[in-house]
Amino acid sequence: MAEEKRQKVSGSYLEYLEKPLVREDNTIVYGDLNEKCILILEIMSFKDVNGKQLPKDVLIQVIDSKDPTKIIRQGRKEGLHDAFSLGLVWLDMALKADA
């Protein structure tokens, strides 16, 4: 069976480690849709620091890129940096699992 190859979205967006990083409202999506899975970060709450709203509780999900209802791994961290760092490790592990 031929592998389906998806086109990149036109326009400008951020890339981190050569993969798209897109944010819409409180949801951050990281990864290549042509790979087995992607990372979703959902900002659940914010805290006020010196008058600025910073992410507090973040839901981390590694999901199947072909079937978004299939969650491969899920957890929660406090702070966007910690959540993204842990999510990158989980995503890397999931991508290497069947390689």
C-alpha atoms as a PDB file:
ATOM      1  CA  MET A   1       0.000   0.000   0.000  1.00  0.00           C
ATOM      2  CA  ALA A   2       1.387   3.402  -0.977  1.00  0.00           C
ATOM      3  CA  GLU A   3       2.209   5.799   1.833  1.00  0.00           C
ATOM      4  CA  GLU A   4       0.039   8.922   1.823  1.00  0.00           C
ATOM      5  CA  LYS A   5       2.202  12.058   1.596  1.00  0.00           C
ATOM      6  CA  ARG A   6       0.594  15.222   2.962  1.00  0.00           C
ATOM      7  CA  GLN A   7       1.506  18.670   1.708  1.00  0.00           C
ATOM      8  CA  LYS A   8       2.777  21.312   4.116  1.00  0.00           C
ATOM      9  CA  VAL A   9       0.382  24.110   4.894  1.00  0.00           C
ATOM     10  CA  SER A  10       1.142  27.183   2.811  1.00  0.00           C
ATOM     11  CA  GLY A  11       2.099  30.347   4.597  1.00  0.00           C
ATOM     12  CA  SER A  12       4.595  31.075   7.313  1.00  0.00           C
ATOM     13  CA  TYR A  13       4.757  29.202  10.590  1.00  0.00           C
ATOM     14  CA  LEU A  14       7.410  28.376  13.144  1.00  0.00           C
ATOM     15  CA  GLU A  15       9.601  25.323  12.872  1.00  0.00           C
ATOM     16  CA  TYR A  16      11.549  23.730  15.693  1.00  0.00           C
ATOM     17  CA  LEU A  17      14.058  20.971  14.917  1.00  0.00           C
ATOM     18  CA  GLU A  18      12.777  20.999  11.317  1.00  0.00           C
ATOM     19  CA  LYS A  19       9.167  20.213  12.317  1.00  0.00           C
ATOM     20  CA  PRO A  20       6.176  22.585  12.281  1.00  0.00           C
ATOM     21  CA  LEU A  21       5.165  24.238  15.563  1.00  0.00           C
ATOM     22  CA  VAL A  22       1.717  25.826  15.389  1.00  0.00           C
ATOM     23  CA  ARG A  23      -0.359  27.523  18.096  1.00  0.00           C
ATOM     24  CA  GLU A  24      -4.027  28.398  17.937  1.00  0.00           C
ATOM     25  CA  ASP A  25      -5.538  29.855  21.105  1.00  0.00           C
ATOM     26  CA  ASN A  26      -4.546  27.484  23.947  1.00  0.00           C
ATOM     27  CA  THR A  27      -3.508  24.560  21.745  1.00  0.00           C
ATOM     28  CA  ILE A  28       0.025  23.952  20.492  1.00  0.00           C
ATOM     29  CA  VAL A  29       0.657  21.289  17.839  1.00  0.00           C
ATOM     30  CA  TYR A  30       4.170  20.069  17.092  1.00  0.00           C
ATOM     31  CA  GLY A  31       5.261  17.523  14.531  1.00  0.00           C
ATOM     32  CA  ASP A  32       5.112  16.370  10.950  1.00  0.00           C
ATOM     33  CA  LEU A  33       1.738  14.953   9.873  1.00  0.00           C
ATOM     34  CA  ASN A  34       3.564  12.574   7.525  1.00  0.00           C
ATOM     35  CA  GLU A  35       5.079  10.808  10.540  1.00  0.00           C
ATOM     36  CA  LYS A  36       3.350   8.256  12.742  1.00  0.00           C
ATOM     37  CA  CYS A  37       2.404  10.654  15.563  1.00  0.00           C
ATOM     38  CA  ILE A  38       2.399  14.292  16.670  1.00  0.00           C
ATOM     39  CA  LEU A  39       2.519  16.204  19.954  1.00  0.00           C
ATOM     40  CA  ILE A  40      -0.408  18.255  21.269  1.00  0.00           C
ATOM     41  CA  LEU A  41      -0.026  20.654  24.204  1.00  0.00           C
ATOM     42  CA  GLU A  42      -3.269  22.045  25.620  1.00  0.00           C
ATOM     43  CA  ILE A  43      -2.856  24.973  28.047  1.00  0.00           C
ATOM     44  CA  MET A  44      -5.473  24.335  30.750  1.00  0.00           C
ATOM     45  CA  SER A  45      -4.819  27.282  33.076  1.00  0.00           C
ATOM     46  CA  PHE A  46      -2.716  30.419  33.412  1.00  0.00           C
ATOM     47  CA  LYS A  47      -0.941  32.203  36.258  1.00  0.00           C
ATOM     48  CA  ASP A  48      -0.268  35.920  36.596  1.00  0.00           C
ATOM     49  CA  VAL A  49       3.423  36.845  36.791  1.00  0.00           C
ATOM     50  CA  ASN A  50       4.247  40.564  36.883  1.00  0.00           C
ATOM     51  CA  GLY A  51       1.026  41.389  35.034  1.00  0.00           C
ATOM     52  CA  LYS A  52       1.549  38.764  32.306  1.00  0.00           C
ATOM     53  CA  GLN A  53      -0.454  35.575  31.840  1.00  0.00           C
ATOM     54  CA  LEU A  54       1.870  32.543  31.684  1.00  0.00           C
ATOM     55  CA  PRO A  55       0.774  28.935  31.115  1.00  0.00           C
ATOM     56  CA  LYS A  56       0.403  26.997  34.366  1.00  0.00           C
ATOM     57  CA  ASP A  57      -1.216  23.568  33.851  1.00  0.00           C
ATOM     58  CA  VAL A  58      -0.508  21.961  30.470  1.00  0.00           C
ATOM     59  CA  LEU A  59      -2.032  18.730  29.137  1.00  0.00           C
ATOM     60  CA  ILE A  60       0.467  16.721  27.054  1.00  0.00           C
ATOM     61  CA  GLN A  61      -0.731  14.271  24.409  1.00  0.00           C
ATOM     62  CA  VAL A  62       1.109  12.247  21.800  1.00  0.00           C
ATOM     63  CA  ILE A  63      -1.518  11.208  19.260  1.00  0.00           C
ATOM     64  CA  ASP A  64      -1.675   9.185  16.067  1.00  0.00           C
ATOM     65  CA  SER A  65      -1.364  11.606  13.141  1.00  0.00           C
ATOM     66  CA  LYS A  66      -3.750   9.564  10.965  1.00  0.00           C
ATOM     67  CA  ASP A  67      -6.376   9.013  13.710  1.00  0.00           C
ATOM     68  CA  PRO A  68      -6.455  11.977  16.137  1.00  0.00           C
ATOM     69  CA  THR A  69      -8.818  10.094  18.485  1.00  0.00           C
ATOM     70  CA  LYS A  70      -6.073   7.547  19.233  1.00  0.00           C
ATOM     71  CA  ILE A  71      -3.984   8.816  22.143  1.00  0.00           C
ATOM     72  CA  ILE A  72      -0.605   7.096  22.406  1.00  0.00           C
ATOM     73  CA  ARG A  73       0.529   8.797  25.625  1.00  0.00           C
ATOM     74  CA  GLN A  74      -0.966  11.475  27.865  1.00  0.00           C
ATOM     75  CA  GLY A  75       0.050  13.393  30.966  1.00  0.00           C
ATOM     76  CA  ARG A  76       0.121  16.784  32.653  1.00  0.00           C
ATOM     77  CA  LYS A  77       2.905  19.155  33.680  1.00  0.00           C
ATOM     78  CA  GLU A  78       3.074  22.562  35.278  1.00  0.00           C
ATOM     79  CA  GLY A  79       4.664  25.147  33.005  1.00  0.00           C
ATOM     80  CA  LEU A  80       5.015  25.221  29.240  1.00  0.00           C
ATOM     81  CA  HIS A  81       8.776  24.586  29.228  1.00  0.00           C
ATOM     82  CA  ASP A  82       8.514  21.392  31.284  1.00  0.00           C
ATOM     83  CA  ALA A  83       5.485  20.188  29.318  1.00  0.00           C
ATOM     84  CA  PHE A  84       7.156  20.776  25.954  1.00  0.00           C
ATOM     85  CA  SER A  85      10.409  19.132  27.089  1.00  0.00           C
ATOM     86  CA  LEU A  86       8.608  16.019  28.330  1.00  0.00           C
ATOM     87  CA  GLY A  87       6.390  15.964  25.231  1.00  0.00           C
ATOM     88  CA  LEU A  88       9.451  16.011  22.958  1.00  0.00           C
ATOM     89  CA  VAL A  89      10.873  12.965  24.746  1.00  0.00           C
ATOM     90  CA  TRP A  90       7.554  11.097  24.505  1.00  0.00           C
ATOM     91  CA  LEU A  91       7.175  11.990  20.827  1.00  0.00           C
ATOM     92  CA  ASP A  92      10.715  10.839  20.063  1.00  0.00           C
ATOM     93  CA  MET A  93      10.115   7.541  21.902  1.00  0.00           C
ATOM     94  CA  ALA A  94       6.823   6.971  20.046  1.00  0.00           C
ATOM     95  CA  LEU A  95       8.389   7.687  16.674  1.00  0.00           C
ATOM     96  CA  LYS A  96      11.259   5.286  17.361  1.00  0.00           C
ATOM     97  CA  ALA A  97       9.003   2.534  18.754  1.00  0.00           C
ATOM     98  CA  ASP A  98       8.130   1.033  15.350  1.00  0.00           C
ATOM     99  CA  ALA A  99      11.197   2.207  13.466  1.00  0.00           C
END
